[in-house]
Structure formats: structure tokens, C-alpha cells
Amino acid sequence: MSAEENKALFLKFFDDVWAGRYEDPDDPGYRPWIDEIRAAFPDLTVIADQVLAAEGDHVVIMFTGTGTHQGDFLGIPASGEPVTFRGTTVARLENGKIVDEFACTEKMGSVMLRQTL
């Protein structure tokens, strides 16, 4: 696939995962993690801010998440406060499938402590 096709595929995957629309019976591991975040931040929105690179088999994006801390998360009780976090993710695709992804985000616990204290 071309870099542009990989970019479109990964952006759709990214949007579907954070909107709760993505299901993969071969890789259910992400689901508990997403469900835990969504339970703590039911109004969570995560958007791809910028595609930094789409070259060959790799796509790199920067993203921002916003939501209201309405449930316990990482041992931090709900504060009712808004939270914003940012990150970057790198995906490698082969034959139209995401075969590897690495994300680096601000630690949500640290962000929440800074924003809610």
C-alpha cells in the first residue's frame, strides 16, 4: 500500500478505537484499557492533531485527548475536573494491517494531578 493509503487506514483505526467503534477478535487486549479510560472519562475525545509523517510502512501522528475526570483512574478518585493530555503514536503497517504501534503520552496521572490540585 502507498504511504497515503497507510495514513488513511491508520487515521480511521485511531478514530474508531477512541470512539469505541473498533473491534478486533484477533486482538482484544486493547479493549480493557480503553474501557478503563472511558469509565473514568466518559466524555473523552481523542483527536489526531497532525500527521507528522506518512512514509513507506510508517505513520506518525500527534494527538490530544480531553475529557472530564468522572471516575477513579490509576488510583486517583474522580475530581470532576477537565483534563487534557497529548501524545505521539507511530504505527507500522503491512498489507493493509497495523502490525505494530508505539505511543508516547503524557502520564495521565501526572496530568490529572497538575490539573486537579
Protein backbone atom coordinates (compact mmCIF):
# COMPACT_ATOMS: atom_id res chain seq x y z
CA MET A 1 0.00 0.00 0.00
CA SER A 2 1.08 3.58 -0.55
CA ALA A 3 2.02 5.94 2.28
CA GLU A 4 -1.23 7.86 1.70
CA GLU A 5 -3.29 4.66 1.93
CA ASN A 6 -1.47 3.69 5.14
CA LYS A 7 -2.12 7.17 6.54
CA ALA A 8 -5.86 6.94 5.79
CA LEU A 9 -6.09 3.43 7.25
CA PHE A 10 -4.31 4.35 10.47
CA LEU A 11 -6.30 7.55 10.98
CA LYS A 12 -9.54 5.58 10.57
CA PHE A 13 -8.30 2.97 13.06
CA PHE A 14 -7.27 5.70 15.52
CA ASP A 15 -10.65 7.43 15.29
CA ASP A 16 -12.58 4.16 15.55
CA VAL A 17 -10.66 2.96 18.63
CA TRP A 18 -11.19 6.18 20.58
CA ALA A 19 -14.84 6.44 19.51
CA GLY A 20 -15.46 2.85 20.70
CA ARG A 21 -16.29 1.60 17.18
CA TYR A 22 -13.33 -0.73 16.64
CA GLU A 23 -13.49 -4.45 17.40
CA ASP A 24 -10.76 -6.95 16.53
CA PRO A 25 -11.39 -10.52 17.66
CA ASP A 26 -7.72 -11.31 16.97
CA ASP A 27 -6.52 -8.55 19.32
CA PRO A 28 -8.93 -7.94 22.20
CA GLY A 29 -6.12 -6.75 24.51
CA TYR A 30 -6.62 -3.03 23.98
CA ARG A 31 -10.31 -3.19 24.96
CA PRO A 32 -9.96 -3.38 28.79
CA TRP A 33 -7.52 -0.47 28.68
CA ILE A 34 -9.86 1.69 26.57
CA ASP A 35 -12.86 0.69 28.74
CA GLU A 36 -10.95 1.69 31.91
CA ILE A 37 -10.14 5.11 30.47
CA ARG A 38 -13.71 5.60 29.19
CA ALA A 39 -15.16 4.68 32.61
CA ALA A 40 -13.07 7.42 34.22
CA PHE A 41 -13.59 9.92 31.39
CA PRO A 42 -16.99 9.14 29.80
CA ASP A 43 -16.91 12.31 27.68
CA LEU A 44 -13.38 11.60 26.40
CA THR A 45 -12.49 12.88 22.95
CA VAL A 46 -9.14 11.99 21.37
CA ILE A 47 -8.26 13.59 18.06
CA ALA A 48 -5.31 13.32 15.71
CA ASP A 49 -3.95 16.86 15.61
CA GLN A 50 -1.30 16.41 12.98
CA VAL A 51 0.23 13.71 10.82
CA LEU A 52 3.95 14.23 11.32
CA ALA A 53 4.96 11.60 8.76
CA ALA A 54 3.48 9.04 6.43
CA GLU A 55 6.38 7.34 4.76
CA GLY A 56 6.60 3.81 3.46
CA ASP A 57 5.05 1.47 6.04
CA HIS A 58 5.06 4.02 8.90
CA VAL A 59 2.62 6.70 10.04
CA VAL A 60 3.39 9.13 12.88
CA ILE A 61 0.71 11.35 14.43
CA MET A 62 0.39 13.78 17.32
CA PHE A 63 -2.88 13.66 19.23
CA THR A 64 -4.76 15.41 22.02
CA GLY A 65 -7.29 13.96 24.43
CA THR A 66 -9.78 15.92 26.51
CA GLY A 67 -12.37 14.78 29.00
CA THR A 68 -13.79 15.23 32.47
CA HIS A 69 -12.43 13.09 35.31
CA GLN A 70 -15.69 11.46 36.46
CA GLY A 71 -14.45 8.08 37.74
CA ASP A 72 -11.43 6.59 39.51
CA PHE A 73 -8.36 6.29 37.30
CA LEU A 74 -4.94 4.91 38.25
CA GLY A 75 -5.92 5.15 41.91
CA ILE A 76 -6.92 8.81 41.64
CA PRO A 77 -10.52 9.41 42.72
CA ALA A 78 -12.82 11.32 40.38
CA SER A 79 -12.28 15.06 40.64
CA GLY A 80 -14.96 16.33 38.26
CA GLU A 81 -12.26 18.47 36.65
CA PRO A 82 -11.47 18.71 32.93
CA VAL A 83 -8.24 17.04 31.79
CA THR A 84 -6.17 17.42 28.63
CA PHE A 85 -3.30 15.15 27.55
CA ARG A 86 -1.13 14.98 24.45
CA GLY A 87 0.89 12.29 22.78
CA THR A 88 2.53 10.88 19.70
CA THR A 89 1.99 7.47 18.15
CA VAL A 90 3.93 5.58 15.50
CA ALA A 91 2.29 2.78 13.54
CA ARG A 92 3.81 0.27 11.15
CA LEU A 93 1.52 -1.29 8.56
CA GLU A 94 1.89 -4.33 6.32
CA ASN A 95 -0.57 -5.28 3.58
CA GLY A 96 -3.30 -3.01 4.92
CA LYS A 97 -2.97 -4.12 8.57
CA ILE A 98 -1.44 -2.40 11.56
CA VAL A 99 1.26 -4.78 12.78
CA ASP A 100 2.96 -2.56 15.35
CA GLU A 101 2.10 0.61 17.23
CA PHE A 102 4.07 2.61 19.78
CA ALA A 103 2.51 5.52 21.64
CA CYS A 104 4.17 8.00 23.95
CA THR A 105 1.80 10.12 26.03
CA GLU A 106 1.94 12.41 28.97
CA LYS A 107 1.25 10.34 32.05
CA MET A 108 -2.45 10.89 32.61
CA GLY A 109 -1.98 10.55 36.37
CA SER A 110 0.59 13.34 36.39
CA VAL A 111 -1.57 15.47 34.13
CA MET A 112 -4.60 14.93 36.36
CA LEU A 113 -2.66 15.78 39.50
CA ARG A 114 -1.37 19.01 37.94
CA GLN A 115 -4.78 19.95 36.57
CA THR A 116 -6.94 18.97 39.53
CA LEU A 117 -4.89 20.03 42.55
